[in-house]
Protein backbone atom coordinates (compact mmCIF):
# COMPACT_ATOMS: atom_id res chain seq x y z
CA UNK A 1 -24.12 4.77 13.51
CA UNK A 2 -20.88 4.52 11.96
CA UNK A 3 -19.57 3.10 8.29
CA UNK A 4 -15.75 2.27 9.22
CA UNK A 5 -13.14 2.27 6.25
CA UNK A 6 -9.97 0.16 7.03
CA UNK A 7 -6.84 -0.47 4.55
CA UNK A 8 -3.43 -0.21 4.23
CA UNK A 9 -1.56 3.07 3.27
CA UNK A 10 -2.48 4.62 -0.09
CA UNK A 11 -5.09 2.21 -1.43
CA UNK A 12 -7.53 4.89 -2.46
CA UNK A 13 -9.96 4.64 0.92
CA UNK A 14 -10.57 8.41 1.03
CA UNK A 15 -11.44 8.41 -2.86
CA UNK A 16 -13.82 5.72 -1.99
CA UNK A 17 -15.57 7.36 0.40
CA UNK A 18 -16.17 10.49 -1.51
CA UNK A 19 -17.45 8.98 -4.59
CA UNK A 20 -20.60 6.71 -2.19
CA UNK A 21 -20.88 10.19 0.02
CA UNK A 22 -20.12 12.75 -2.10
CA UNK A 23 -18.21 14.91 0.30
CA UNK A 24 -15.11 16.64 0.24
CA UNK A 25 -12.32 14.23 1.42
CA UNK A 26 -8.64 14.89 2.61
CA UNK A 27 -6.73 13.24 0.14
CA UNK A 28 -3.25 12.90 0.24
CA UNK A 29 -0.91 12.03 -2.64
CA UNK A 30 1.74 9.87 -0.55
CA UNK A 31 1.11 7.04 1.55
CA UNK A 32 0.45 7.88 6.07
CA UNK A 33 -1.08 11.12 5.40
CA UNK A 34 -4.28 9.75 7.22
CA UNK A 35 -3.02 9.22 10.86
CA UNK A 36 -5.72 9.57 13.01
CA UNK A 37 -9.44 8.68 12.36
CA UNK A 38 -11.30 11.12 10.36
CA UNK A 39 -14.88 11.07 10.55
CA UNK A 40 -17.38 12.40 7.55
CA UNK A 41 -20.86 13.63 9.54
CA UNK A 42 -23.70 12.62 7.09
CA UNK A 43 -27.24 12.95 8.60
CA UNK A 44 -27.18 10.27 11.79
CA UNK A 45 -24.56 8.15 9.65
CA UNK A 46 -20.65 8.76 10.58
CA UNK A 47 -18.43 7.85 8.15
CA UNK A 48 -14.75 6.64 9.77
CA UNK A 49 -11.35 6.89 7.67
CA UNK A 50 -9.20 5.12 9.75
CA UNK A 51 -5.37 5.53 9.30
CA UNK A 52 -3.40 3.67 6.92
CA UNK A 53 -1.68 0.78 7.96
CA UNK A 54 1.88 -0.93 6.35
CA UNK A 55 4.47 1.15 5.33
CA UNK A 56 3.87 5.14 5.99
CA UNK A 57 6.50 7.76 4.37
CA UNK A 58 8.78 9.40 7.27
CA UNK A 59 6.73 7.60 9.73
CA UNK A 60 8.86 5.11 12.26
CA UNK A 61 8.15 1.48 12.17
CA UNK A 62 7.04 1.46 16.21
CA UNK A 63 4.55 4.54 14.94
CA UNK A 64 3.08 2.61 12.59
CA UNK A 65 2.72 -0.45 15.25
CA UNK A 66 1.09 2.49 16.93
CA UNK A 67 -1.75 3.01 14.42
CA UNK A 68 -2.29 -0.44 13.83
CA UNK A 69 -2.94 -1.13 17.50
CA UNK A 70 -5.19 2.00 17.71
CA UNK A 71 -7.48 0.99 14.66
CA UNK A 72 -7.93 -2.34 16.42
CA UNK A 73 -8.56 -1.06 19.59
CA UNK A 74 -10.90 1.46 17.88
CA UNK A 75 -13.07 -1.32 16.26
CA UNK A 76 -13.26 -3.13 19.57
CA UNK A 77 -14.29 -0.17 21.59
CA UNK A 78 -17.19 0.75 19.05
CA UNK A 79 -17.91 -2.43 17.72
CA UNK A 80 -21.46 -1.90 18.95
CA UNK A 81 -22.03 1.21 16.71
CA UNK A 82 -20.41 0.01 13.72
CA UNK A 83 -23.11 -1.10 11.15
CA UNK A 84 -20.38 -2.96 9.15
CA UNK A 85 -17.07 -2.14 8.05
CA UNK A 86 -15.27 -1.72 4.53
CA UNK A 87 -11.75 -2.79 4.02
CA UNK A 88 -10.14 -1.00 0.51
CA UNK A 89 -7.33 -3.09 -0.98
CA UNK A 90 -4.76 -2.10 -4.16
CA UNK A 91 -5.71 -5.16 -5.99
CA UNK A 92 -2.10 -4.39 -7.87
CA UNK A 93 -0.06 -4.39 -5.00
CA UNK A 94 -2.00 -7.28 -2.76
CA UNK A 95 -1.08 -10.37 -3.64
CA UNK A 96 2.59 -8.83 -4.22
CA UNK A 97 2.22 -8.26 -0.55
CA UNK A 98 1.02 -10.75 1.18
CA UNK A 99 3.41 -13.41 -0.46
CA UNK A 100 6.36 -11.21 0.81
CA UNK A 101 4.78 -11.20 4.84
CA UNK A 102 4.58 -15.18 3.83
CA UNK A 103 7.71 -15.99 3.26
CA UNK A 104 9.16 -14.38 6.06
CA UNK A 105 6.98 -16.83 7.93
CA UNK A 106 4.37 -13.44 8.82
CA UNK A 107 0.43 -13.21 8.76
CA UNK A 108 0.22 -10.18 6.14
CA UNK A 109 -1.58 -7.48 8.29
CA UNK A 110 -3.95 -6.89 5.03
CA UNK A 111 -5.28 -10.83 6.02
CA UNK A 112 -5.02 -10.48 9.27
CA UNK A 113 -7.62 -7.08 9.46
CA UNK A 114 -9.80 -9.32 7.06
CA UNK A 115 -10.09 -12.16 9.57
CA UNK A 116 -10.16 -9.39 13.31
CA UNK A 117 -13.03 -7.76 11.48
CA UNK A 118 -14.74 -11.03 10.42
CA UNK A 119 -14.31 -12.00 13.97
CA UNK A 120 -15.88 -9.22 15.40
CA UNK A 121 -18.93 -9.88 13.27
CA UNK A 122 -18.52 -6.56 11.56
CA UNK A 123 -19.56 -8.40 7.58
CA UNK A 124 -16.37 -6.47 6.20
CA UNK A 125 -16.72 -6.09 2.50
CA UNK A 126 -13.24 -6.16 0.27
CA UNK A 127 -13.23 -3.19 -2.43
CA UNK A 128 -10.88 -4.06 -4.14
CA UNK A 129 -9.75 -0.61 -5.85
CA UNK A 130 -7.28 0.44 -8.75
CA UNK A 131 -8.98 -2.30 -10.86
CA UNK A 132 -8.06 0.05 -13.70
CA UNK A 133 -4.72 -1.16 -13.34
CA UNK A 134 -5.22 -5.04 -14.25
CA UNK A 135 -6.15 -5.83 -18.07
CA UNK A 136 -9.56 -7.16 -17.83
CA UNK A 137 -8.67 -10.55 -19.40
CA UNK A 138 -6.44 -10.93 -16.07
CA UNK A 139 -9.37 -10.11 -13.75
CA UNK A 140 -10.63 -13.23 -13.19
CA UNK A 141 -7.31 -14.59 -12.07
CA UNK A 142 -5.92 -11.77 -10.10
CA UNK A 143 -9.36 -11.91 -8.12
CA UNK A 144 -9.59 -15.68 -7.42
CA UNK A 145 -5.90 -15.11 -5.78
CA UNK A 146 -7.27 -13.12 -3.71
CA UNK A 147 -10.38 -14.84 -2.22
CA UNK A 148 -7.28 -17.72 -1.49
CA UNK A 149 -5.04 -15.55 0.83
CA UNK A 150 -8.29 -13.90 2.54
CA UNK A 151 -9.26 -17.91 3.17
CA UNK A 152 -12.15 -18.05 1.31
CA UNK A 153 -12.81 -20.49 -1.87
CA UNK A 154 -13.07 -19.39 -5.51
CA UNK A 155 -14.28 -18.73 -8.02
CA UNK A 156 -14.53 -15.39 -7.04
CA UNK A 157 -17.77 -14.29 -8.05
CA UNK A 158 -19.47 -16.56 -5.68
CA UNK A 159 -18.24 -13.57 -3.57
CA UNK A 160 -20.21 -11.30 -4.91
CA UNK A 161 -21.11 -9.42 -2.04
CA UNK A 162 -18.07 -9.80 0.08
CA UNK A 163 -15.52 -8.46 -2.71
CA UNK A 164 -16.05 -5.70 -5.26
CA UNK A 165 -13.54 -5.13 -7.94
CA UNK A 166 -13.45 -1.26 -8.04
CA UNK A 167 -11.78 2.17 -9.28
CA UNK A 168 -12.76 5.62 -7.23
CA UNK A 169 -10.25 6.92 -10.03
CA UNK A 170 -12.71 6.11 -13.24
CA UNK A 171 -16.02 5.12 -11.33
CA UNK A 172 -15.77 1.45 -12.55
CA UNK A 173 -17.90 -0.99 -9.91
CA UNK A 174 -18.58 2.45 -7.99
CA UNK A 175 -22.21 1.62 -8.66
CA UNK A 176 -22.06 -1.66 -7.52
CA UNK A 177 -20.65 -0.68 -4.40
CA UNK A 178 -23.55 1.80 -3.44
CA UNK A 179 -25.93 -1.08 -4.42
CA UNK A 180 -24.08 -3.36 -2.10
CA UNK A 181 -23.82 -0.99 0.57
CA UNK A 182 -27.47 0.24 0.29
CA UNK A 183 -28.28 -3.44 0.27
CA UNK A 184 -26.83 -3.91 3.89
CA UNK A 185 -28.23 -0.99 5.42
CA UNK A 186 -31.53 -2.18 4.03
CA UNK A 187 -30.67 -6.12 6.07
CA UNK A 188 -29.66 -4.30 9.04
CA UNK A 189 -32.84 -2.13 9.40
CA UNK A 190 -31.29 1.00 8.34
CA UNK A 191 -33.38 2.06 5.81
CA UNK A 192 -33.32 5.45 6.90
CA UNK A 193 -29.81 6.08 6.65
CA UNK A 194 -29.84 5.61 2.37
CA UNK A 195 -30.22 9.42 1.65
CA UNK A 196 -27.13 9.94 2.88
CA UNK A 197 -25.06 7.88 0.62
CA UNK A 198 -24.67 9.57 -3.01
CA UNK A 199 -27.09 8.57 -5.72
């Protein structure tokens, strides 16, 4: 069985995986280091770090599209063994990137991916990473905006089983994320997999 992590390049997917599993995970200093799925075996549970979509240093637009298509095909092909998905976003940049795409009359990739995960019934958890870079008094407004852009009503706190503010760097929110992942596994009747997650 699999847990799949998706998200734009350089949002911290690998760091979040390391925090959840305790596994030594490849972490790049620049966008686009992960260009193919990396599978981390945790006993009976496979944690899959998908390549980042969006901008990648030194990668052509055509290649970026191929990577995105590869992610979609992987999710479709492996739907039956994926327990659920976690979409990691950079909370600082999310709204600005979405608005930039919308101004061009395009559906933002991040939003499209979230909707696609829901269509596949992969019950995505949005891991809103890098929360340490947002002032505490600004957070509710930032998360209400993220909710709206993902097509969910606000206030955001009603979605605390979907959106989890985290900082993989400072560990803020990581215990809550671990708790939610554990809860999801229990709900799916996969209690035996709990032992493969970091406590």
